[in-house]
Amino acid sequence: MGPLNIALLVIMAISAIFTVILILMHSGKGTGVSDMIAASMYNATAGSGIWEKNLDRLTVLFAVIFGICVCIMALTFPVGTIAGM
């Protein structure tokens, strides 16, 4: 496994963790983890639209980074390295 694959694995893991965290931060229908986190981070009457828009953009960004890493890993990962260990 080369340095490119190691770097991609690290980037993929970080983007996966951030994607999950950002998805959980989205406001839902008033119940669950997202409501607990979101209630402490901003006031619902002041600026929540801007916060949600930026949260949407960050979520899409990290999801796209994760998808690109998966596609590049599928093309560059050496065949048989995991089974050969």
C-alpha atoms as a PDB file:
ATOM      1  CA  MET A   1       0.000   0.000   0.000  1.00  0.00           C
ATOM      2  CA  GLY A   2       1.539   3.260  -1.126  1.00  0.00           C
ATOM      3  CA  PRO A   3       1.524   6.717   0.405  1.00  0.00           C
ATOM      4  CA  LEU A   4      -1.403   7.774  -1.794  1.00  0.00           C
ATOM      5  CA  ASN A   5      -3.596   5.013  -0.395  1.00  0.00           C
ATOM      6  CA  ILE A   6      -2.566   5.778   3.184  1.00  0.00           C
ATOM      7  CA  ALA A   7      -3.367   9.479   2.693  1.00  0.00           C
ATOM      8  CA  LEU A   8      -6.702   8.592   1.098  1.00  0.00           C
ATOM      9  CA  LEU A   9      -7.573   6.276   3.993  1.00  0.00           C
ATOM     10  CA  VAL A  10      -6.877   9.047   6.492  1.00  0.00           C
ATOM     11  CA  ILE A  11      -8.873  11.623   4.513  1.00  0.00           C
ATOM     12  CA  MET A  12     -11.709   9.127   4.037  1.00  0.00           C
ATOM     13  CA  ALA A  13     -11.870   8.326   7.761  1.00  0.00           C
ATOM     14  CA  ILE A  14     -11.863  11.997   8.754  1.00  0.00           C
ATOM     15  CA  SER A  15     -14.515  12.916   6.186  1.00  0.00           C
ATOM     16  CA  ALA A  16     -16.684   9.959   7.271  1.00  0.00           C
ATOM     17  CA  ILE A  17     -16.542  11.032  10.916  1.00  0.00           C
ATOM     18  CA  PHE A  18     -17.345  14.654  10.080  1.00  0.00           C
ATOM     19  CA  THR A  19     -20.190  13.604   7.757  1.00  0.00           C
ATOM     20  CA  VAL A  20     -21.821  11.586  10.535  1.00  0.00           C
ATOM     21  CA  ILE A  21     -21.380  14.413  13.054  1.00  0.00           C
ATOM     22  CA  LEU A  22     -22.797  17.013  10.657  1.00  0.00           C
ATOM     23  CA  ILE A  23     -25.793  14.837   9.791  1.00  0.00           C
ATOM     24  CA  LEU A  24     -26.565  14.414  13.483  1.00  0.00           C
ATOM     25  CA  MET A  25     -26.404  18.192  13.960  1.00  0.00           C
ATOM     26  CA  HIS A  26     -29.200  18.861  11.448  1.00  0.00           C
ATOM     27  CA  SER A  27     -32.445  19.950  13.010  1.00  0.00           C
ATOM     28  CA  GLY A  28     -35.089  17.291  12.851  1.00  0.00           C
ATOM     29  CA  LYS A  29     -38.713  17.360  13.892  1.00  0.00           C
ATOM     30  CA  GLY A  30     -37.907  18.325  17.457  1.00  0.00           C
ATOM     31  CA  THR A  31     -36.682  15.028  18.878  1.00  0.00           C
ATOM     32  CA  GLY A  32     -33.423  13.155  18.992  1.00  0.00           C
ATOM     33  CA  VAL A  33     -29.767  14.005  19.101  1.00  0.00           C
ATOM     34  CA  SER A  34     -29.975  16.825  16.571  1.00  0.00           C
ATOM     35  CA  ASP A  35     -32.415  18.786  18.731  1.00  0.00           C
ATOM     36  CA  MET A  36     -30.229  18.430  21.834  1.00  0.00           C
ATOM     37  CA  ILE A  37     -27.083  19.607  20.032  1.00  0.00           C
ATOM     38  CA  ALA A  38     -28.752  22.295  17.965  1.00  0.00           C
ATOM     39  CA  ALA A  39     -30.610  23.799  20.934  1.00  0.00           C
ATOM     40  CA  SER A  40     -27.348  24.476  22.727  1.00  0.00           C
ATOM     41  CA  MET A  41     -25.533  25.862  19.690  1.00  0.00           C
ATOM     42  CA  TYR A  42     -27.888  28.614  18.581  1.00  0.00           C
ATOM     43  CA  ASN A  43     -31.081  30.354  19.468  1.00  0.00           C
ATOM     44  CA  ALA A  44     -33.962  29.124  17.314  1.00  0.00           C
ATOM     45  CA  THR A  45     -35.224  32.666  16.704  1.00  0.00           C
ATOM     46  CA  ALA A  46     -31.912  34.270  15.734  1.00  0.00           C
ATOM     47  CA  GLY A  47     -30.027  33.248  12.610  1.00  0.00           C
ATOM     48  CA  SER A  48     -31.043  29.607  12.403  1.00  0.00           C
ATOM     49  CA  GLY A  49     -31.582  29.840   8.643  1.00  0.00           C
ATOM     50  CA  ILE A  50     -27.985  30.861   7.996  1.00  0.00           C
ATOM     51  CA  TRP A  51     -26.699  28.182  10.377  1.00  0.00           C
ATOM     52  CA  GLU A  52     -28.744  25.478   8.615  1.00  0.00           C
ATOM     53  CA  LYS A  53     -27.593  26.644   5.181  1.00  0.00           C
ATOM     54  CA  ASN A  54     -23.930  26.500   6.198  1.00  0.00           C
ATOM     55  CA  LEU A  55     -24.488  23.144   7.884  1.00  0.00           C
ATOM     56  CA  ASP A  56     -26.021  21.824   4.644  1.00  0.00           C
ATOM     57  CA  ARG A  57     -23.030  23.049   2.635  1.00  0.00           C
ATOM     58  CA  LEU A  58     -20.520  21.483   5.015  1.00  0.00           C
ATOM     59  CA  THR A  59     -22.407  18.186   5.024  1.00  0.00           C
ATOM     60  CA  VAL A  60     -22.464  18.031   1.240  1.00  0.00           C
ATOM     61  CA  LEU A  61     -18.784  19.003   1.056  1.00  0.00           C
ATOM     62  CA  PHE A  62     -17.652  16.246   3.420  1.00  0.00           C
ATOM     63  CA  ALA A  63     -19.939  13.681   1.748  1.00  0.00           C
ATOM     64  CA  VAL A  64     -18.475  14.552  -1.674  1.00  0.00           C
ATOM     65  CA  ILE A  65     -14.925  14.315  -0.295  1.00  0.00           C
ATOM     66  CA  PHE A  66     -15.781  10.888   1.122  1.00  0.00           C
ATOM     67  CA  GLY A  67     -17.265   9.748  -2.203  1.00  0.00           C
ATOM     68  CA  ILE A  68     -14.259  10.943  -4.195  1.00  0.00           C
ATOM     69  CA  CYS A  69     -11.906   9.129  -1.804  1.00  0.00           C
ATOM     70  CA  VAL A  70     -13.901   5.914  -2.188  1.00  0.00           C
ATOM     71  CA  CYS A  71     -13.779   6.168  -5.993  1.00  0.00           C
ATOM     72  CA  ILE A  72     -10.037   6.861  -6.070  1.00  0.00           C
ATOM     73  CA  MET A  73      -9.396   4.044  -3.586  1.00  0.00           C
ATOM     74  CA  ALA A  74     -11.382   1.652  -5.779  1.00  0.00           C
ATOM     75  CA  LEU A  75      -9.111   2.492  -8.716  1.00  0.00           C
ATOM     76  CA  THR A  76      -5.750   2.614  -6.948  1.00  0.00           C
ATOM     77  CA  PHE A  77      -5.921   0.063  -4.112  1.00  0.00           C
ATOM     78  CA  PRO A  78      -3.605  -2.871  -4.833  1.00  0.00           C
ATOM     79  CA  VAL A  79      -5.525  -6.060  -5.509  1.00  0.00           C
ATOM     80  CA  GLY A  80      -4.968  -8.841  -3.018  1.00  0.00           C
ATOM     81  CA  THR A  81      -3.147  -6.889  -0.324  1.00  0.00           C
ATOM     82  CA  ILE A  82      -5.752  -7.467   2.395  1.00  0.00           C
ATOM     83  CA  ALA A  83      -6.309 -11.151   1.542  1.00  0.00           C
ATOM     84  CA  GLY A  84      -2.572 -11.768   1.366  1.00  0.00           C
ATOM     85  CA  MET A  85      -1.923 -10.667   4.943  1.00  0.00           C
END
